[in-house]
Amino acid sequence: MRPLVPVAVLAAILASLVQALLSPPLHTGDETAHLDYAYQVWTGHLPVFEDGLVLAPEAGSVPPVQWAAQHPPLYYLVLAPVVGPSWRAGTSSRRSTPHGA
């Protein structure tokens, strides 16, 4: 029975990797909301549920509200130094600054 555990773990890792490589960027239900949250933290704001997303990628899923605003900001503080400069360096958006700032 024990040899099956490493095989099962390896199979799960491989399946996850295949799924990640086959899914187009920003096409899962929550990626844009989390990306937007990290970007807003980078710009010095916390997201507001009713205001929707500040980042609106040309492709992908864009929810009508910023549903990730309910999450505490620590995780997004860690991501912000990567997401903020990366977004500004290589991706266009319809709204570039949060809350009209």
C-alpha atoms as a PDB file:
ATOM      1  CA  MET A   1       0.000   0.000   0.000  1.00  0.00           C
ATOM      2  CA  ARG A   2       2.774   2.511   0.835  1.00  0.00           C
ATOM      3  CA  PRO A   3       4.223   2.687  -2.713  1.00  0.00           C
ATOM      4  CA  LEU A   4       0.848   3.985  -3.911  1.00  0.00           C
ATOM      5  CA  VAL A   5       1.119   7.205  -1.871  1.00  0.00           C
ATOM      6  CA  PRO A   6       4.099   8.664  -3.787  1.00  0.00           C
ATOM      7  CA  VAL A   7       2.516   7.600  -7.067  1.00  0.00           C
ATOM      8  CA  ALA A   8      -0.750   9.312  -6.131  1.00  0.00           C
ATOM      9  CA  VAL A   9       1.089  12.481  -5.058  1.00  0.00           C
ATOM     10  CA  LEU A  10       3.076  12.530  -8.302  1.00  0.00           C
ATOM     11  CA  ALA A  11      -0.095  11.998 -10.341  1.00  0.00           C
ATOM     12  CA  ALA A  12      -1.818  14.881  -8.543  1.00  0.00           C
ATOM     13  CA  ILE A  13       1.160  17.187  -9.129  1.00  0.00           C
ATOM     14  CA  LEU A  14       1.313  16.270 -12.810  1.00  0.00           C
ATOM     15  CA  ALA A  15      -2.437  16.762 -13.254  1.00  0.00           C
ATOM     16  CA  SER A  16      -2.196  20.193 -11.597  1.00  0.00           C
ATOM     17  CA  LEU A  17       0.712  21.171 -13.819  1.00  0.00           C
ATOM     18  CA  VAL A  18      -1.124  20.087 -16.967  1.00  0.00           C
ATOM     19  CA  GLN A  19      -4.211  22.045 -15.905  1.00  0.00           C
ATOM     20  CA  ALA A  20      -2.125  25.160 -15.196  1.00  0.00           C
ATOM     21  CA  LEU A  21      -0.386  24.942 -18.571  1.00  0.00           C
ATOM     22  CA  LEU A  22      -3.596  24.351 -20.543  1.00  0.00           C
ATOM     23  CA  SER A  23      -5.687  27.090 -18.907  1.00  0.00           C
ATOM     24  CA  PRO A  24      -5.384  30.485 -20.610  1.00  0.00           C
ATOM     25  CA  PRO A  25      -4.173  33.252 -18.268  1.00  0.00           C
ATOM     26  CA  LEU A  26      -6.936  35.083 -16.366  1.00  0.00           C
ATOM     27  CA  HIS A  27      -9.683  32.737 -17.541  1.00  0.00           C
ATOM     28  CA  THR A  28     -10.505  31.061 -14.250  1.00  0.00           C
ATOM     29  CA  GLY A  29     -13.176  32.607 -12.070  1.00  0.00           C
ATOM     30  CA  ASP A  30     -11.007  34.251  -9.453  1.00  0.00           C
ATOM     31  CA  GLU A  31      -7.655  35.148 -11.011  1.00  0.00           C
ATOM     32  CA  THR A  32      -8.554  38.683 -12.055  1.00  0.00           C
ATOM     33  CA  ALA A  33     -10.037  39.578  -8.665  1.00  0.00           C
ATOM     34  CA  HIS A  34      -6.905  38.449  -6.810  1.00  0.00           C
ATOM     35  CA  LEU A  35      -4.618  40.160  -9.328  1.00  0.00           C
ATOM     36  CA  ASP A  36      -6.651  43.361  -8.990  1.00  0.00           C
ATOM     37  CA  TYR A  37      -6.493  43.229  -5.179  1.00  0.00           C
ATOM     38  CA  ALA A  38      -2.683  42.935  -5.240  1.00  0.00           C
ATOM     39  CA  TYR A  39      -2.450  45.767  -7.776  1.00  0.00           C
ATOM     40  CA  GLN A  40      -4.662  48.045  -5.675  1.00  0.00           C
ATOM     41  CA  VAL A  41      -2.515  47.360  -2.612  1.00  0.00           C
ATOM     42  CA  TRP A  42       0.546  48.243  -4.727  1.00  0.00           C
ATOM     43  CA  THR A  43      -1.051  51.601  -5.586  1.00  0.00           C
ATOM     44  CA  GLY A  44      -1.825  52.308  -1.927  1.00  0.00           C
ATOM     45  CA  HIS A  45      -5.523  51.430  -1.836  1.00  0.00           C
ATOM     46  CA  LEU A  46      -7.637  48.632  -0.470  1.00  0.00           C
ATOM     47  CA  PRO A  47     -10.302  47.348  -2.839  1.00  0.00           C
ATOM     48  CA  VAL A  48     -13.957  48.179  -2.276  1.00  0.00           C
ATOM     49  CA  PHE A  49     -16.495  45.461  -3.052  1.00  0.00           C
ATOM     50  CA  GLU A  50     -18.968  47.706  -4.874  1.00  0.00           C
ATOM     51  CA  ASP A  51     -16.350  49.517  -6.981  1.00  0.00           C
ATOM     52  CA  GLY A  52     -15.524  46.455  -9.045  1.00  0.00           C
ATOM     53  CA  LEU A  53     -12.103  45.808 -10.502  1.00  0.00           C
ATOM     54  CA  VAL A  54      -9.565  48.513 -11.243  1.00  0.00           C
ATOM     55  CA  LEU A  55      -7.707  46.242 -13.643  1.00  0.00           C
ATOM     56  CA  ALA A  56      -9.781  45.131 -16.575  1.00  0.00           C
ATOM     57  CA  PRO A  57      -7.701  42.838 -18.781  1.00  0.00           C
ATOM     58  CA  GLU A  58      -8.662  42.658 -22.427  1.00  0.00           C
ATOM     59  CA  ALA A  59      -9.056  38.890 -22.160  1.00  0.00           C
ATOM     60  CA  GLY A  60     -10.291  36.785 -19.312  1.00  0.00           C
ATOM     61  CA  SER A  61     -12.996  36.783 -16.698  1.00  0.00           C
ATOM     62  CA  VAL A  62     -13.927  40.162 -15.172  1.00  0.00           C
ATOM     63  CA  PRO A  63     -16.462  39.950 -12.320  1.00  0.00           C
ATOM     64  CA  PRO A  64     -18.844  42.914 -11.819  1.00  0.00           C
ATOM     65  CA  VAL A  65     -17.747  43.417  -8.186  1.00  0.00           C
ATOM     66  CA  GLN A  66     -14.443  43.097  -6.347  1.00  0.00           C
ATOM     67  CA  TRP A  67     -15.517  40.043  -4.396  1.00  0.00           C
ATOM     68  CA  ALA A  68     -11.972  39.397  -3.112  1.00  0.00           C
ATOM     69  CA  ALA A  69     -12.176  42.640  -1.090  1.00  0.00           C
ATOM     70  CA  GLN A  70     -13.408  40.540   1.828  1.00  0.00           C
ATOM     71  CA  HIS A  71      -9.985  38.901   2.230  1.00  0.00           C
ATOM     72  CA  PRO A  72      -7.419  40.313   4.685  1.00  0.00           C
ATOM     73  CA  PRO A  73      -4.606  42.196   2.931  1.00  0.00           C
ATOM     74  CA  LEU A  74      -1.467  40.421   4.222  1.00  0.00           C
ATOM     75  CA  TYR A  75      -1.233  37.948   1.326  1.00  0.00           C
ATOM     76  CA  TYR A  76      -1.730  40.776  -1.152  1.00  0.00           C
ATOM     77  CA  LEU A  77       0.930  42.897   0.567  1.00  0.00           C
ATOM     78  CA  VAL A  78       3.375  40.082  -0.167  1.00  0.00           C
ATOM     79  CA  LEU A  79       2.240  39.844  -3.807  1.00  0.00           C
ATOM     80  CA  ALA A  80       2.024  43.583  -4.487  1.00  0.00           C
ATOM     81  CA  PRO A  81       5.746  44.213  -5.177  1.00  0.00           C
ATOM     82  CA  VAL A  82       5.604  41.583  -7.924  1.00  0.00           C
ATOM     83  CA  VAL A  83       2.154  42.275  -9.377  1.00  0.00           C
ATOM     84  CA  GLY A  84       2.309  46.086  -9.455  1.00  0.00           C
ATOM     85  CA  PRO A  85       5.494  46.536 -11.487  1.00  0.00           C
ATOM     86  CA  SER A  86       4.725  43.506 -13.662  1.00  0.00           C
ATOM     87  CA  TRP A  87       1.287  44.828 -14.603  1.00  0.00           C
ATOM     88  CA  ARG A  88       2.561  48.322 -15.327  1.00  0.00           C
ATOM     89  CA  ALA A  89       5.489  47.012 -17.380  1.00  0.00           C
ATOM     90  CA  GLY A  90       3.666  44.708 -19.713  1.00  0.00           C
ATOM     91  CA  THR A  91      -0.108  44.757 -19.664  1.00  0.00           C
ATOM     92  CA  SER A  92      -2.742  47.245 -20.704  1.00  0.00           C
ATOM     93  CA  SER A  93      -5.892  47.947 -18.723  1.00  0.00           C
ATOM     94  CA  ARG A  94      -9.042  49.957 -19.228  1.00  0.00           C
ATOM     95  CA  ARG A  95      -8.774  51.674 -15.857  1.00  0.00           C
ATOM     96  CA  SER A  96      -5.211  52.217 -14.730  1.00  0.00           C
ATOM     97  CA  THR A  97      -5.599  53.850 -11.322  1.00  0.00           C
ATOM     98  CA  PRO A  98      -7.860  52.865  -8.464  1.00  0.00           C
ATOM     99  CA  HIS A  99     -10.811  55.008  -7.447  1.00  0.00           C
ATOM    100  CA  GLY A 100     -10.145  57.626 -10.088  1.00  0.00           C
ATOM    101  CA  ALA A 101      -6.876  58.700  -8.436  1.00  0.00           C
END
